[in-house]
Amino acid sequence: MSPHLRSPHLHGAWTGPGRTRYEVRLLGFIPVNMDGDGPEAPIRLE
């Protein structure tokens, strides 16, 4: 997969004691396959 930024999106998870509360959080941009800080970063070959 080529380097890219995954779009911000909502992510939900069960939290708290006994996992009884459902929380929804906004995840920001997530870099995928980047070894640097920008979109020109090289692809990881691991």
N, C-alpha and C. Protein backbone atom coordinates (compact mmCIF):
# COMPACT_ATOMS: atom_id res chain seq x y z
N MET A 1 0.84 -1.17 0.00
CA MET A 1 0.00 0.00 0.00
C MET A 1 0.89 1.24 0.00
N SER A 2 0.57 2.20 -0.83
CA SER A 2 1.40 3.41 -0.91
C SER A 2 1.17 4.31 0.30
N PRO A 3 2.14 5.18 0.61
CA PRO A 3 1.98 6.09 1.75
C PRO A 3 0.80 7.02 1.55
N HIS A 4 0.02 7.20 2.60
CA HIS A 4 -1.12 8.11 2.52
C HIS A 4 -1.55 8.50 3.93
N LEU A 5 -2.47 9.46 4.01
CA LEU A 5 -3.07 9.85 5.28
C LEU A 5 -4.49 9.32 5.33
N ARG A 6 -4.79 8.57 6.36
CA ARG A 6 -6.16 8.09 6.55
C ARG A 6 -6.99 9.25 7.08
N SER A 7 -8.18 9.42 6.54
CA SER A 7 -9.05 10.54 6.90
C SER A 7 -9.51 10.47 8.35
N PRO A 8 -9.78 11.64 8.97
CA PRO A 8 -10.34 11.63 10.32
C PRO A 8 -11.69 10.91 10.32
N HIS A 9 -11.96 10.16 11.40
CA HIS A 9 -13.22 9.44 11.47
C HIS A 9 -13.56 9.13 12.94
N LEU A 10 -14.81 8.77 13.18
CA LEU A 10 -15.25 8.40 14.51
C LEU A 10 -14.90 6.95 14.79
N HIS A 11 -14.52 6.67 16.04
CA HIS A 11 -14.17 5.31 16.45
C HIS A 11 -14.78 5.06 17.81
N GLY A 12 -15.53 3.99 17.95
CA GLY A 12 -16.18 3.68 19.22
C GLY A 12 -15.55 2.48 19.90
N ALA A 13 -15.59 2.49 21.23
CA ALA A 13 -15.04 1.38 22.00
C ALA A 13 -15.72 1.31 23.35
N TRP A 14 -15.87 0.10 23.89
CA TRP A 14 -16.40 -0.11 25.23
C TRP A 14 -15.29 0.17 26.23
N THR A 15 -15.58 0.99 27.26
CA THR A 15 -14.58 1.36 28.26
C THR A 15 -15.16 1.25 29.66
N GLY A 16 -14.31 1.51 30.65
CA GLY A 16 -14.75 1.53 32.04
C GLY A 16 -14.70 0.17 32.69
N PRO A 17 -15.05 0.12 33.96
CA PRO A 17 -15.05 -1.15 34.70
C PRO A 17 -16.06 -2.12 34.08
N GLY A 18 -15.59 -3.29 33.72
CA GLY A 18 -16.47 -4.27 33.10
C GLY A 18 -16.89 -3.91 31.69
N ARG A 19 -16.22 -2.93 31.12
CA ARG A 19 -16.54 -2.47 29.76
C ARG A 19 -18.04 -2.23 29.59
N THR A 20 -18.57 -1.35 30.42
CA THR A 20 -20.00 -1.09 30.43
C THR A 20 -20.39 0.23 29.76
N ARG A 21 -19.42 1.07 29.43
CA ARG A 21 -19.71 2.37 28.83
C ARG A 21 -19.14 2.42 27.42
N TYR A 22 -19.94 2.87 26.47
CA TYR A 22 -19.50 2.98 25.07
C TYR A 22 -19.09 4.42 24.80
N GLU A 23 -17.83 4.62 24.40
CA GLU A 23 -17.32 5.95 24.09
C GLU A 23 -17.03 6.06 22.60
N VAL A 24 -17.36 7.22 22.04
CA VAL A 24 -17.05 7.50 20.65
C VAL A 24 -16.05 8.64 20.63
N ARG A 25 -14.96 8.44 19.92
CA ARG A 25 -13.91 9.46 19.84
C ARG A 25 -13.62 9.76 18.38
N LEU A 26 -13.15 10.98 18.14
CA LEU A 26 -12.74 11.37 16.80
C LEU A 26 -11.25 11.11 16.66
N LEU A 27 -10.88 10.26 15.73
CA LEU A 27 -9.47 10.02 15.42
C LEU A 27 -9.07 10.98 14.32
N GLY A 28 -7.94 11.65 14.49
CA GLY A 28 -7.45 12.60 13.49
C GLY A 28 -6.81 11.88 12.31
N PHE A 29 -6.08 12.62 11.51
CA PHE A 29 -5.37 12.03 10.38
C PHE A 29 -4.38 10.99 10.90
N ILE A 30 -4.32 9.83 10.26
CA ILE A 30 -3.41 8.76 10.66
C ILE A 30 -2.48 8.46 9.49
N PRO A 31 -1.15 8.66 9.67
CA PRO A 31 -0.22 8.34 8.60
C PRO A 31 -0.11 6.82 8.42
N VAL A 32 -0.15 6.38 7.19
CA VAL A 32 -0.06 4.95 6.87
C VAL A 32 1.15 4.72 5.98
N ASN A 33 2.01 3.78 6.35
CA ASN A 33 3.21 3.41 5.58
C ASN A 33 4.15 4.58 5.36
N MET A 34 4.31 5.42 6.37
CA MET A 34 5.22 6.56 6.25
C MET A 34 6.33 6.44 7.28
N ASP A 35 7.55 6.72 6.85
CA ASP A 35 8.69 6.72 7.76
C ASP A 35 9.12 8.14 8.09
N GLY A 36 8.37 9.12 7.67
CA GLY A 36 8.71 10.52 7.92
C GLY A 36 7.46 11.28 8.32
N ASP A 37 7.49 12.60 8.11
CA ASP A 37 6.38 13.44 8.52
C ASP A 37 5.48 13.90 7.37
N GLY A 38 5.88 13.68 6.15
CA GLY A 38 5.09 14.20 5.05
C GLY A 38 4.67 13.13 4.05
N PRO A 39 3.81 13.50 3.11
CA PRO A 39 3.33 12.53 2.13
C PRO A 39 4.43 12.03 1.17
N GLU A 40 5.59 12.71 1.16
CA GLU A 40 6.68 12.28 0.29
C GLU A 40 7.56 11.23 0.96
N ALA A 41 7.19 10.79 2.16
CA ALA A 41 8.01 9.84 2.92
C ALA A 41 8.08 8.49 2.20
N PRO A 42 9.18 7.75 2.38
CA PRO A 42 9.33 6.46 1.72
C PRO A 42 8.41 5.39 2.30
N ILE A 43 8.16 4.38 1.51
CA ILE A 43 7.32 3.26 1.93
C ILE A 43 8.14 2.33 2.84
N ARG A 44 7.52 1.81 3.88
CA ARG A 44 8.18 0.81 4.73
C ARG A 44 8.14 -0.53 4.00
N LEU A 45 9.27 -1.21 3.96
CA LEU A 45 9.34 -2.50 3.28
C LEU A 45 9.50 -3.66 4.26
N GLU A 46 9.05 -3.48 5.49
CA GLU A 46 9.18 -4.52 6.52
C GLU A 46 8.06 -5.52 6.43
